[in-house]
């Protein structure tokens, strides 16, 4: 799971420090980007890894940004697949079992046939460097 925020201001509320390398990587990103930061704060313990790290993405999608702003807090996200199965790249590709199991499905981009791009995943190390995970 990862946490979605609406911008850098919200990101800084949940990090002890936003390393400069993370800001540079975000500025250069050409696709969705999830960054695993080393020192989370103000988040539930069950979201934070044992080493204190957390995966966070600043959203670009206007609906997601508006939802987060209306809620006033980050939201938790995960891919819409069962572990071990391929990650769907369109709404149509999401398993009917998953669709039947959720409380609500938002009517946003359901007709979009352009496959979504998987996010890049970068981990910021405690020494201020980074590792590309995906």
Protein backbone atom coordinates (compact mmCIF):
# COMPACT_ATOMS: atom_id res chain seq x y z
CA UNK A 1 0.00 0.00 0.00
CA UNK A 2 0.99 3.56 -0.47
CA UNK A 3 -0.23 6.96 0.58
CA UNK A 4 -1.53 9.53 -1.90
CA UNK A 5 -1.10 13.25 -1.19
CA UNK A 6 -2.19 16.33 -3.14
CA UNK A 7 1.13 18.17 -3.21
CA UNK A 8 4.46 18.98 -1.58
CA UNK A 9 2.85 20.83 1.34
CA UNK A 10 0.84 17.78 2.35
CA UNK A 11 3.86 15.55 1.77
CA UNK A 12 5.92 17.55 4.26
CA UNK A 13 3.23 17.03 6.92
CA UNK A 14 3.96 13.29 6.86
CA UNK A 15 7.74 13.27 6.55
CA UNK A 16 10.37 14.24 9.10
CA UNK A 17 12.23 15.70 6.14
CA UNK A 18 11.66 15.75 2.39
CA UNK A 19 15.17 15.18 1.00
CA UNK A 20 16.32 17.46 -1.80
CA UNK A 21 17.04 14.42 -3.97
CA UNK A 22 13.34 13.51 -3.79
CA UNK A 23 12.34 16.98 -5.02
CA UNK A 24 14.79 16.73 -7.92
CA UNK A 25 13.50 13.28 -8.88
CA UNK A 26 9.89 14.52 -8.77
CA UNK A 27 10.77 17.48 -11.02
CA UNK A 28 12.32 15.14 -13.60
CA UNK A 29 9.60 12.44 -13.49
CA UNK A 30 7.80 11.74 -16.77
CA UNK A 31 5.39 9.14 -15.40
CA UNK A 32 3.61 8.52 -12.09
CA UNK A 33 6.17 8.31 -9.29
CA UNK A 34 6.01 6.62 -5.92
CA UNK A 35 8.84 7.46 -3.53
CA UNK A 36 9.62 5.40 -0.47
CA UNK A 37 10.80 7.83 2.19
CA UNK A 38 12.87 6.75 5.20
CA UNK A 39 11.22 8.69 8.06
CA UNK A 40 7.42 8.84 8.15
CA UNK A 41 5.49 10.78 10.76
CA UNK A 42 1.85 11.50 11.62
CA UNK A 43 0.65 8.30 9.92
CA UNK A 44 -0.98 5.20 11.41
CA UNK A 45 1.54 2.56 12.52
CA UNK A 46 -0.06 -0.09 10.30
CA UNK A 47 0.89 1.94 7.19
CA UNK A 48 4.50 2.53 8.15
CA UNK A 49 7.06 -0.22 7.57
CA UNK A 50 9.01 -1.62 10.52
CA UNK A 51 12.02 0.50 9.49
CA UNK A 52 9.91 3.70 9.58
CA UNK A 53 9.62 4.06 5.81
CA UNK A 54 6.51 4.83 3.79
CA UNK A 55 5.64 4.92 0.07
CA UNK A 56 4.02 8.21 -0.98
CA UNK A 57 2.86 9.53 -4.35
CA UNK A 58 1.88 13.11 -5.16
CA UNK A 59 -1.12 12.65 -7.44
CA UNK A 60 -1.51 14.34 -10.80
CA UNK A 61 -5.02 13.11 -11.56
CA UNK A 62 -7.51 15.99 -11.01
CA UNK A 63 -10.18 13.75 -9.47
CA UNK A 64 -7.72 12.23 -6.98
CA UNK A 65 -6.35 15.64 -6.07
CA UNK A 66 -9.86 17.01 -5.49
CA UNK A 67 -10.83 13.97 -3.39
CA UNK A 68 -7.75 14.31 -1.18
CA UNK A 69 -8.32 18.05 -0.75
CA UNK A 70 -11.99 17.51 0.14
CA UNK A 71 -11.01 14.84 2.67
CA UNK A 72 -8.25 17.03 4.06
CA UNK A 73 -5.87 14.13 4.58
CA UNK A 74 -3.92 11.66 2.49
CA UNK A 75 -5.68 8.55 1.25
CA UNK A 76 -4.32 5.02 1.11
CA UNK A 77 -4.04 3.33 -2.25
CA UNK A 78 -3.20 -0.07 -3.62
CA UNK A 79 -3.36 -1.65 -7.04
CA UNK A 80 -6.71 -3.10 -8.13
CA UNK A 81 -5.58 -6.71 -8.34
CA UNK A 82 -5.28 -9.76 -6.15
CA UNK A 83 -1.70 -10.44 -5.08
CA UNK A 84 0.16 -12.39 -7.73
CA UNK A 85 -2.22 -11.45 -10.53
CA UNK A 86 -1.35 -8.90 -13.23
CA UNK A 87 -2.07 -5.28 -12.41
CA UNK A 88 -4.96 -4.03 -14.59
CA UNK A 89 -4.15 -1.09 -16.82
CA UNK A 90 -7.80 -0.10 -17.52
CA UNK A 91 -11.00 -0.15 -15.48
CA UNK A 92 -12.36 -2.86 -17.76
CA UNK A 93 -9.42 -5.15 -16.84
CA UNK A 94 -10.19 -5.06 -13.09
CA UNK A 95 -11.48 -8.41 -11.88
CA UNK A 96 -15.24 -8.65 -11.43
CA UNK A 97 -14.54 -10.23 -8.01
CA UNK A 98 -12.78 -7.06 -6.88
CA UNK A 99 -15.52 -4.82 -8.29
CA UNK A 100 -18.17 -6.86 -6.47
CA UNK A 101 -16.26 -6.68 -3.16
CA UNK A 102 -15.89 -2.90 -2.84
CA UNK A 103 -18.38 -0.51 -1.27
CA UNK A 104 -18.30 2.08 -4.04
CA UNK A 105 -16.88 2.53 -7.53
CA UNK A 106 -16.31 6.07 -8.73
CA UNK A 107 -17.55 6.89 -12.21
CA UNK A 108 -14.30 8.46 -13.39
CA UNK A 109 -12.38 7.32 -16.45
CA UNK A 110 -14.23 4.00 -16.59
CA UNK A 111 -14.51 4.35 -20.37
CA UNK A 112 -10.84 5.28 -20.76
CA UNK A 113 -9.23 2.65 -22.99
CA UNK A 114 -5.74 4.14 -22.86
CA UNK A 115 -3.74 1.80 -20.60
CA UNK A 116 -2.53 3.39 -17.39
CA UNK A 117 1.20 3.58 -16.87
CA UNK A 118 2.60 1.82 -13.81
CA UNK A 119 4.40 4.18 -11.48
CA UNK A 120 8.12 4.34 -11.12
CA UNK A 121 9.20 3.42 -7.60
CA UNK A 122 12.24 5.05 -6.03
CA UNK A 123 13.48 4.42 -2.49
CA UNK A 124 15.33 7.20 -0.70
CA UNK A 125 18.01 5.67 1.51
CA UNK A 126 18.86 6.89 4.98
CA UNK A 127 22.15 8.29 3.69
CA UNK A 128 20.32 10.53 1.18
CA UNK A 129 20.89 8.47 -1.96
CA UNK A 130 18.24 6.57 -3.89
CA UNK A 131 17.56 3.15 -5.35
CA UNK A 132 15.34 2.60 -8.38
CA UNK A 133 12.95 -0.26 -7.55
CA UNK A 134 10.83 -0.09 -10.72
